[in-house]
Amino acid sequence: MNTTPSTAKRVWLTILLGTISATGPLSIDLYLPALPEMSAFLNAPASLIQMSLSSCLLGLALGQIIAGPLSDKYGRKIPLIIGFSIFGITSLLISFSTSAYMLIGLRFVQGLAGASGQVLSRAIARDMFSGPLLTKFYAMLSAVNGIFPVISPVIGGFLVKYTGWKGIFTLLAIIGLVVVIAIFVGLPETLPEDARITSSAMSTITDTFKLLTDRGFLRLIILAGLIYGALFSYISASSFVFQTEFHMSVQKFSLLYALNGVGIALGSALPGRLSQKYSILSQTWFAFTGTGILSLILLASSFMWHNLFLVIGLVFFIVIFIGMLLTTITSIIMNSNSSNAGGTSALMGVFQNAVSSLMSPIVGLMGTHTYTPMAAAIVFCCATGLSLLKRVRYNH
C-alpha cells in the first residue's frame, strides 16, 4: 500500500494501533495489583495464581504465530476483529472464574486472542509505510504504547480498591468491545487481495518459519529478542533492587517505575526525530553502544560505589537507549521483508517473548538482594547484540 495519509489520519492510526498493540501487555500489567485478592477469593496459593501470568504470556507468544501468517492470507482486518472479539468475551468470562484452573485456562485464551493486536499493529504499519516514514511511525507507535505500562498499575490499583479484581477484567472486556468497533469503523484494510499469500492456511504458517533459514533475518530477530531480554532483566529485578536492596517504599518505587516508563517512551520517539539526519543503522549502533557502556558502569558500581542516585540515573538512561532500540530494530526488521509482513512480525514477537521469558527467571535465580545480576544480564544482552550487529546489512 505505502500511501502517505493525512496528519489527522496518521494521528488516529497511531492512537488506534498503539492501543491495539498494547492490549496484550495491558492484560498483564493491569491485574498485577489484584493478585493477592484473587488468591484469597479463589482460595488458591499465590504460586498457582501467578501461573495465570505465565499462561497469558504463552498465549501471547503462540497467538502471534497464528495471527501473523493468517493475516498475510486473509488480510489484517478480519483477524483483528475475530481476535479482539474473543479477547473481550474471554475477559468477561474471567471475571466469573470460580477456580484458579479456570482462570489459568481463560488467561491462556485471552493471551492467544490479544496477540493479534501486537503482531498486526506492526504489519499494518509496514503495509502503509517503508523506509524513514516507517521508522517515524513506529517511533510514534512505541511512544503511545509506552504510556500503558506506566498507567496500568495505577488504574489496576484503583479498580482493585473500588471494584475488586473482577472490575479489572470487566474493563478489559469493555476495551475489547470498543477496539472491535473502532477497527470495524475506523481502520481500512491495508493488505489488498492481490498482495495476499494464496497458499493454504497451514502452509502460510509453516512457510513463515522458512524465513528463519535466512541468516541475516535470523540475526535481526535474535537482536530484537536480546533487546527485550535487557528490558525484562530490568523489569523483573527492579522491584527487588529498589525495594529490598535500597529500601524504597512501594509508593516511591511506583513513581520511579513510572519515570522509567516515560524514559522508554521518550527513547522510542527519538529515532523518528533523528531519522532525517542519521541512518537507522547508525542510531542502532549508537543506542546499543550507549546501553553497553552504561550497563558496564552499573555493573562496576555494584562492586564499588553502591549509590542509589547513581543507580537511578544509570537505569533511566539505559531504558531511554532501550526505547530507541525497540523502535530502530523493529523498523529494520519490518523493512527487511515486504511480502509477508504478518509472518515477519510474528517471528519477531515470538523471539522477543522467548528471550524475555528466559532472562527474567535467570536474573531472579542469580539473586534478588543485589543489582549485580540485573546489570550483568543487560551487559550480556548488549555484548551479544553488538557482536550480531556487526553482520547486519541495511539499505534503507
Protein backbone atom coordinates (compact mmCIF):
# COMPACT_ATOMS: atom_id res chain seq x y z
CA MET A 1 0.00 0.00 0.00
CA ASN A 2 2.66 2.50 1.11
CA THR A 3 0.50 5.61 0.90
CA THR A 4 1.04 8.87 2.75
CA PRO A 5 -2.07 9.54 4.86
CA SER A 6 -3.01 12.98 6.13
CA THR A 7 -1.74 14.18 9.51
CA ALA A 8 -5.17 13.69 11.14
CA LYS A 9 -5.42 10.15 9.79
CA ARG A 10 -1.88 9.40 10.93
CA VAL A 11 -2.67 10.59 14.47
CA TRP A 12 -5.82 8.43 14.51
CA LEU A 13 -3.88 5.41 13.27
CA THR A 14 -1.18 5.99 15.88
CA ILE A 15 -3.71 6.10 18.72
CA LEU A 16 -5.69 3.12 17.43
CA LEU A 17 -2.70 0.93 16.60
CA GLY A 18 -0.97 1.99 19.82
CA THR A 19 -3.99 0.83 21.80
CA ILE A 20 -4.28 -2.37 19.77
CA SER A 21 -0.61 -3.24 20.23
CA ALA A 22 -0.75 -2.51 23.97
CA THR A 23 -3.80 -4.63 24.76
CA GLY A 24 -1.71 -7.76 25.32
CA PRO A 25 0.71 -6.09 27.79
CA LEU A 26 -2.25 -4.20 29.29
CA SER A 27 -3.89 -7.52 30.20
CA ILE A 28 -0.75 -8.32 32.21
CA ASP A 29 0.15 -5.01 33.89
CA LEU A 30 -3.42 -4.09 34.78
CA TYR A 31 -4.15 -7.08 37.01
CA LEU A 32 -0.84 -7.32 38.88
CA PRO A 33 -2.14 -5.31 41.89
CA ALA A 34 -5.06 -7.76 42.14
CA LEU A 35 -3.05 -10.98 42.54
CA PRO A 36 -3.28 -11.16 46.37
CA GLU A 37 -7.06 -10.55 46.33
CA MET A 38 -7.55 -13.14 43.57
CA SER A 39 -5.55 -15.67 45.57
CA ALA A 40 -7.85 -15.17 48.57
CA PHE A 41 -11.07 -15.14 46.51
CA LEU A 42 -10.25 -18.32 44.57
CA ASN A 43 -8.77 -19.99 47.67
CA ALA A 44 -5.57 -20.81 45.80
CA PRO A 45 -1.88 -20.37 46.65
CA ALA A 46 -0.10 -17.36 45.15
CA SER A 47 2.11 -19.63 43.03
CA LEU A 48 -0.97 -21.07 41.30
CA ILE A 49 -2.47 -17.64 40.67
CA GLN A 50 0.88 -16.48 39.25
CA MET A 51 0.62 -19.30 36.71
CA SER A 52 -2.16 -17.27 35.12
CA LEU A 53 0.52 -14.73 34.19
CA SER A 54 2.66 -17.43 32.55
CA SER A 55 -0.33 -18.88 30.69
CA CYS A 56 -1.20 -15.44 29.32
CA LEU A 57 2.41 -14.88 28.17
CA LEU A 58 2.38 -18.31 26.50
CA GLY A 59 -0.85 -17.40 24.73
CA LEU A 60 0.62 -14.08 23.59
CA ALA A 61 3.60 -15.92 22.06
CA LEU A 62 1.63 -18.67 20.31
CA GLY A 63 -1.11 -16.31 19.16
CA GLN A 64 1.36 -14.25 17.14
CA ILE A 65 2.43 -17.32 15.17
CA ILE A 66 -1.23 -17.92 14.26
CA ALA A 67 -2.47 -14.36 13.65
CA GLY A 68 0.57 -13.02 11.79
CA PRO A 69 0.79 -15.58 8.96
CA LEU A 70 -3.01 -15.86 8.62
CA SER A 71 -3.21 -12.09 8.15
CA ASP A 72 -0.89 -12.45 5.15
CA LYS A 73 -3.56 -14.72 3.61
CA TYR A 74 -6.86 -13.18 4.79
CA GLY A 75 -5.90 -9.54 5.32
CA ARG A 76 -5.37 -7.61 8.55
CA LYS A 77 -8.89 -6.52 9.47
CA ILE A 78 -10.72 -9.86 9.82
CA PRO A 79 -8.10 -11.49 12.13
CA LEU A 80 -8.09 -8.34 14.28
CA ILE A 81 -11.88 -8.27 14.63
CA ILE A 82 -12.00 -12.00 15.46
CA GLY A 83 -9.07 -11.71 17.87
CA PHE A 84 -10.46 -8.79 19.84
CA SER A 85 -13.98 -10.23 19.90
CA ILE A 86 -12.58 -13.36 21.56
CA PHE A 87 -10.40 -11.17 23.81
CA GLY A 88 -13.42 -9.21 25.04
CA ILE A 89 -15.61 -12.27 25.62
CA THR A 90 -12.83 -14.16 27.40
CA SER A 91 -12.05 -11.15 29.62
CA LEU A 92 -15.67 -11.07 30.72
CA LEU A 93 -15.67 -14.82 31.40
CA ILE A 94 -12.55 -14.45 33.56
CA SER A 95 -14.49 -12.18 35.91
CA PHE A 96 -16.79 -15.19 36.57
CA SER A 97 -13.90 -17.57 37.35
CA THR A 98 -14.62 -19.96 40.21
CA SER A 99 -11.24 -21.70 40.40
CA ALA A 100 -7.58 -20.99 39.72
CA TYR A 101 -7.52 -23.62 36.97
CA MET A 102 -10.42 -21.95 35.18
CA LEU A 103 -8.56 -18.64 35.50
CA ILE A 104 -5.34 -20.13 34.07
CA GLY A 105 -7.16 -21.66 31.08
CA LEU A 106 -9.09 -18.50 30.26
CA ARG A 107 -5.98 -16.35 30.64
CA PHE A 108 -4.26 -18.53 28.00
CA VAL A 109 -7.14 -17.92 25.58
CA GLN A 110 -7.10 -14.22 26.44
CA GLY A 111 -3.39 -14.01 25.58
CA LEU A 112 -3.90 -16.05 22.41
CA ALA A 113 -6.56 -13.59 21.22
CA GLY A 114 -4.81 -10.43 22.41
CA ALA A 115 -1.66 -11.40 20.49
CA SER A 116 -3.40 -10.37 17.26
CA GLY A 117 -3.03 -6.72 18.28
CA GLN A 118 0.69 -6.97 18.99
CA VAL A 119 1.60 -8.68 15.74
CA LEU A 120 -0.81 -6.96 13.35
CA SER A 121 -0.20 -3.39 14.50
CA ARG A 122 3.37 -3.76 13.18
CA ALA A 123 2.18 -5.45 9.98
CA ILE A 124 -0.40 -2.73 9.27
CA ALA A 125 2.25 -0.05 9.69
CA ARG A 126 4.51 -1.96 7.27
CA ASP A 127 1.66 -2.14 4.73
CA MET A 128 1.32 1.63 4.80
CA PHE A 129 4.91 2.88 5.14
CA SER A 130 8.50 1.98 4.36
CA GLY A 131 11.98 3.39 4.99
CA PRO A 132 12.24 6.55 7.14
CA LEU A 133 8.45 7.03 7.16
CA LEU A 134 8.06 3.59 8.73
CA THR A 135 10.67 4.47 11.35
CA LYS A 136 8.81 7.68 12.21
CA PHE A 137 5.52 5.83 12.52
CA TYR A 138 6.99 3.08 14.69
CA ALA A 139 8.51 5.81 16.87
CA MET A 140 5.07 7.36 17.43
CA LEU A 141 3.52 3.93 17.91
CA SER A 142 6.12 2.93 20.51
CA ALA A 143 5.68 6.23 22.36
CA VAL A 144 1.90 5.71 22.61
CA ASN A 145 2.43 2.05 23.55
CA GLY A 146 4.91 3.06 26.24
CA ILE A 147 2.27 5.04 28.11
CA PHE A 148 0.23 1.96 29.03
CA PRO A 149 2.80 0.21 31.28
CA VAL A 150 3.08 3.50 33.18
CA ILE A 151 -0.63 3.98 33.85
CA SER A 152 -1.76 0.33 34.03
CA PRO A 153 -0.65 -0.43 37.63
CA VAL A 154 -2.22 2.84 38.79
CA ILE A 155 -5.54 2.05 37.09
CA GLY A 156 -5.37 -1.54 38.33
CA GLY A 157 -4.77 -0.42 41.91
CA PHE A 158 -7.71 1.99 41.71
CA LEU A 159 -10.04 -0.71 40.34
CA VAL A 160 -8.97 -3.23 42.98
CA LYS A 161 -9.75 -0.70 45.69
CA TYR A 162 -13.19 0.30 44.44
CA THR A 163 -14.49 -2.61 42.33
CA GLY A 164 -12.40 -5.63 43.33
CA TRP A 165 -10.40 -7.82 40.94
CA LYS A 166 -13.43 -8.56 38.76
CA GLY A 167 -13.62 -4.89 37.77
CA ILE A 168 -10.23 -5.20 36.04
CA PHE A 169 -11.41 -7.93 33.68
CA THR A 170 -14.73 -6.18 33.11
CA LEU A 171 -12.73 -3.14 31.98
CA LEU A 172 -10.65 -5.33 29.65
CA ALA A 173 -13.89 -6.74 28.19
CA ILE A 174 -15.13 -3.19 27.53
CA ILE A 175 -11.78 -2.28 25.93
CA GLY A 176 -12.08 -5.34 23.67
CA LEU A 177 -15.58 -4.29 22.57
CA VAL A 178 -14.53 -0.68 21.92
CA VAL A 179 -11.50 -1.82 19.91
CA VAL A 180 -13.67 -4.12 17.75
CA ILE A 181 -15.98 -1.20 16.95
CA ALA A 182 -13.02 1.11 16.25
CA ILE A 183 -11.42 -1.46 13.91
CA PHE A 184 -14.70 -2.12 12.11
CA VAL A 185 -15.50 1.57 11.62
CA GLY A 186 -12.17 3.37 11.53
CA LEU A 187 -9.48 1.00 10.24
CA PRO A 188 -9.19 0.37 6.49
CA GLU A 189 -7.94 -2.95 5.15
CA THR A 190 -4.28 -2.29 4.40
CA LEU A 191 -3.40 -5.53 2.59
CA PRO A 192 -5.15 -5.69 -0.82
CA GLU A 193 -6.23 -9.07 -2.14
CA ASP A 194 -3.67 -9.11 -4.94
CA ALA A 195 -0.86 -8.77 -2.34
CA ARG A 196 -2.02 -11.67 -0.17
CA ILE A 197 -0.46 -15.12 0.02
CA THR A 198 -2.55 -17.67 -1.87
CA SER A 199 -1.34 -20.93 -0.28
CA SER A 200 -3.40 -22.83 2.30
CA ALA A 201 -3.70 -21.53 5.86
CA MET A 202 -1.43 -24.26 7.25
CA SER A 203 1.14 -23.71 4.51
CA THR A 204 1.08 -19.98 5.23
CA ILE A 205 2.03 -20.68 8.86
CA THR A 206 4.71 -23.27 8.03
CA ASP A 207 6.16 -21.04 5.28
CA THR A 208 6.65 -18.32 7.88
CA PHE A 209 9.23 -20.47 9.66
CA LYS A 210 11.19 -20.78 6.41
CA LEU A 211 12.17 -17.14 6.93
CA LEU A 212 14.48 -18.41 9.67
CA THR A 213 16.67 -20.06 7.03
CA ASP A 214 17.83 -16.56 6.04
CA ARG A 215 20.80 -15.95 8.34
CA GLY A 216 20.54 -12.18 8.05
CA PHE A 217 16.89 -12.23 9.10
CA LEU A 218 17.65 -14.67 11.92
CA ARG A 219 20.32 -12.32 13.29
CA LEU A 220 17.83 -9.45 13.27
CA ILE A 221 15.11 -11.24 15.23
CA ILE A 222 17.67 -12.54 17.73
CA LEU A 223 18.70 -8.89 18.16
CA ALA A 224 15.05 -7.99 18.81
CA GLY A 225 14.92 -10.75 21.42
CA LEU A 226 18.10 -9.53 23.12
CA ILE A 227 16.69 -6.00 23.42
CA TYR A 228 13.62 -7.41 25.16
CA GLY A 229 15.92 -9.56 27.27
CA ALA A 230 17.71 -6.44 28.50
CA LEU A 231 14.40 -4.68 29.14
CA PHE A 232 12.90 -7.56 31.10
CA SER A 233 16.12 -8.01 33.08
CA TYR A 234 15.35 -4.54 34.42
CA ILE A 235 11.59 -5.08 34.77
CA SER A 236 11.85 -8.41 36.60
CA ALA A 237 14.55 -7.22 39.01
CA SER A 238 13.61 -3.57 39.59
CA SER A 239 11.11 -4.05 42.41
CA PHE A 240 13.57 -6.24 44.36
CA VAL A 241 16.51 -3.93 43.65
CA PHE A 242 14.87 -0.71 44.75
CA GLN A 243 12.52 -2.01 47.46
CA THR A 244 14.72 -4.73 49.01
CA GLU A 245 18.25 -3.50 48.44
CA PHE A 246 17.65 0.25 48.68
CA HIS A 247 14.58 0.05 51.00
CA MET A 248 12.30 2.21 48.84
CA SER A 249 8.63 2.39 49.78
CA VAL A 250 6.05 0.95 47.38
CA GLN A 251 4.83 4.46 46.54
CA LYS A 252 8.32 5.77 45.73
CA PHE A 253 9.12 2.71 43.66
CA SER A 254 5.85 3.14 41.71
CA LEU A 255 6.85 6.72 40.87
CA LEU A 256 10.33 5.59 39.82
CA TYR A 257 8.86 2.79 37.68
CA ALA A 258 6.56 5.33 36.03
CA LEU A 259 9.51 7.68 35.42
CA ASN A 260 11.43 4.91 33.70
CA GLY A 261 8.33 4.10 31.66
CA VAL A 262 8.36 7.71 30.45
CA GLY A 263 12.07 7.23 29.64
CA ILE A 264 11.26 4.23 27.44
CA ALA A 265 8.53 6.22 25.65
CA LEU A 266 10.92 9.16 25.10
CA GLY A 267 13.63 6.87 23.77
CA SER A 268 11.13 5.17 21.45
CA ALA A 269 10.18 8.54 19.94
CA LEU A 270 13.77 9.71 19.30
CA PRO A 271 14.55 7.67 16.14
CA GLY A 272 11.63 9.31 14.33
CA ARG A 273 13.03 12.74 15.18
CA LEU A 274 16.56 11.78 14.17
CA SER A 275 15.74 9.83 11.00
CA GLN A 276 16.35 12.79 8.67
CA LYS A 277 19.91 13.33 9.95
CA TYR A 278 21.08 9.87 10.97
CA SER A 279 20.53 6.48 9.37
CA ILE A 280 18.52 3.94 11.32
CA LEU A 281 21.54 1.62 11.47
CA SER A 282 23.83 4.32 12.90
CA GLN A 283 21.18 5.11 15.53
CA THR A 284 21.06 1.42 16.41
CA TRP A 285 24.84 1.31 16.83
CA PHE A 286 24.74 4.43 19.00
CA ALA A 287 21.95 3.13 21.25
CA PHE A 288 23.50 -0.34 21.61
CA THR A 289 26.90 1.14 22.44
CA GLY A 290 25.37 3.58 24.93
CA THR A 291 23.44 0.79 26.64
CA GLY A 292 26.57 -1.36 26.82
CA ILE A 293 28.75 1.38 28.33
CA LEU A 294 26.15 2.44 30.91
CA SER A 295 25.39 -1.17 31.91
CA LEU A 296 29.11 -1.81 32.40
CA ILE A 297 29.29 1.23 34.70
CA LEU A 298 26.18 -0.06 36.50
CA LEU A 299 27.82 -3.47 36.94
CA ALA A 300 31.05 -1.90 38.25
CA SER A 301 29.11 0.30 40.68
CA SER A 302 27.55 -2.78 42.30
CA PHE A 303 31.04 -3.75 43.49
CA MET A 304 32.44 -0.27 44.28
CA TRP A 305 30.05 2.66 44.77
CA HIS A 306 26.59 1.23 45.51
CA ASN A 307 24.81 4.60 45.42
CA LEU A 308 21.03 4.82 44.98
CA PHE A 309 21.03 8.03 42.93
CA LEU A 310 23.77 6.73 40.66
CA VAL A 311 21.75 3.57 40.01
CA ILE A 312 18.57 5.57 39.35
CA GLY A 313 20.39 7.81 36.85
CA LEU A 314 22.14 4.97 35.04
CA VAL A 315 18.96 2.89 34.77
CA PHE A 316 16.99 5.88 33.46
CA PHE A 317 19.40 6.48 30.58
CA ILE A 318 19.70 2.75 29.91
CA VAL A 319 15.93 2.47 29.40
CA ILE A 320 15.99 5.52 27.10
CA PHE A 321 18.55 3.73 24.91
CA ILE A 322 16.48 0.53 25.07
CA GLY A 323 13.45 2.55 23.95
CA MET A 324 15.44 3.75 20.92
CA LEU A 325 16.40 0.17 20.10
CA LEU A 326 12.81 -1.03 20.33
CA THR A 327 11.96 1.39 17.50
CA THR A 328 15.07 1.03 15.33
CA ILE A 329 15.25 -2.77 15.32
CA THR A 330 11.51 -3.06 14.66
CA SER A 331 11.90 -0.70 11.71
CA ILE A 332 14.90 -2.60 10.32
CA ILE A 333 13.14 -5.97 10.63
CA MET A 334 9.84 -4.83 9.14
CA ASN A 335 11.62 -3.07 6.27
CA SER A 336 13.60 -6.24 5.53
CA ASN A 337 10.61 -8.19 4.18
CA SER A 338 7.68 -6.73 2.27
CA SER A 339 5.96 -9.91 1.03
CA ASN A 340 4.73 -11.36 4.35
CA ALA A 341 4.81 -8.64 6.98
CA GLY A 342 2.45 -10.59 9.23
CA GLY A 343 4.75 -13.60 9.44
CA THR A 344 7.80 -11.37 9.88
CA SER A 345 6.13 -9.52 12.74
CA ALA A 346 5.04 -12.82 14.31
CA LEU A 347 8.56 -14.27 14.39
CA MET A 348 9.93 -11.07 15.87
CA GLY A 349 7.30 -11.17 18.61
CA VAL A 350 7.98 -14.83 19.40
CA PHE A 351 11.73 -14.23 19.81
CA GLN A 352 11.06 -11.18 21.98
CA ASN A 353 8.77 -13.19 24.26
CA ALA A 354 11.13 -16.19 24.30
CA VAL A 355 14.27 -14.28 25.31
CA SER A 356 12.47 -12.08 27.84
CA SER A 357 10.83 -15.12 29.46
CA LEU A 358 14.26 -16.73 29.78
CA MET A 359 16.10 -13.69 31.14
CA SER A 360 13.55 -12.90 33.87
CA PRO A 361 13.94 -16.15 35.85
CA ILE A 362 17.70 -16.26 35.22
CA VAL A 363 18.10 -12.83 36.80
CA GLY A 364 15.94 -13.99 39.72
CA LEU A 365 17.94 -17.16 40.25
CA MET A 366 21.18 -15.15 40.36
CA GLY A 367 19.90 -13.26 43.40
CA THR A 368 17.33 -10.64 44.39
CA HIS A 369 19.23 -8.75 47.08
CA THR A 370 21.70 -7.02 44.76
CA TYR A 371 21.50 -5.35 41.37
CA THR A 372 24.62 -7.18 40.11
CA PRO A 373 22.55 -9.88 38.28
CA MET A 374 20.38 -7.22 36.60
CA ALA A 375 23.42 -5.27 35.41
CA ALA A 376 25.26 -8.43 34.31
CA ALA A 377 22.23 -9.61 32.30
CA ILE A 378 21.96 -6.27 30.48
CA VAL A 379 25.72 -6.33 29.74
CA PHE A 380 25.36 -9.87 28.33
CA CYS A 381 22.45 -8.87 26.08
CA CYS A 382 24.35 -5.81 24.82
CA ALA A 383 27.61 -7.64 24.19
CA THR A 384 25.83 -10.42 22.28
CA GLY A 385 23.75 -7.87 20.39
CA LEU A 386 26.78 -5.83 19.33
CA SER A 387 28.52 -8.95 18.01
CA LEU A 388 25.45 -9.71 15.86
CA LEU A 389 25.02 -6.11 14.77
CA LYS A 390 28.45 -6.19 13.06
CA ARG A 391 26.97 -8.55 10.47
CA VAL A 392 23.72 -6.65 9.83
CA ARG A 393 23.28 -5.04 6.42
CA TYR A 394 20.57 -2.43 5.99
CA ASN A 395 19.98 -0.37 2.87
CA HIS A 396 17.01 1.89 3.76
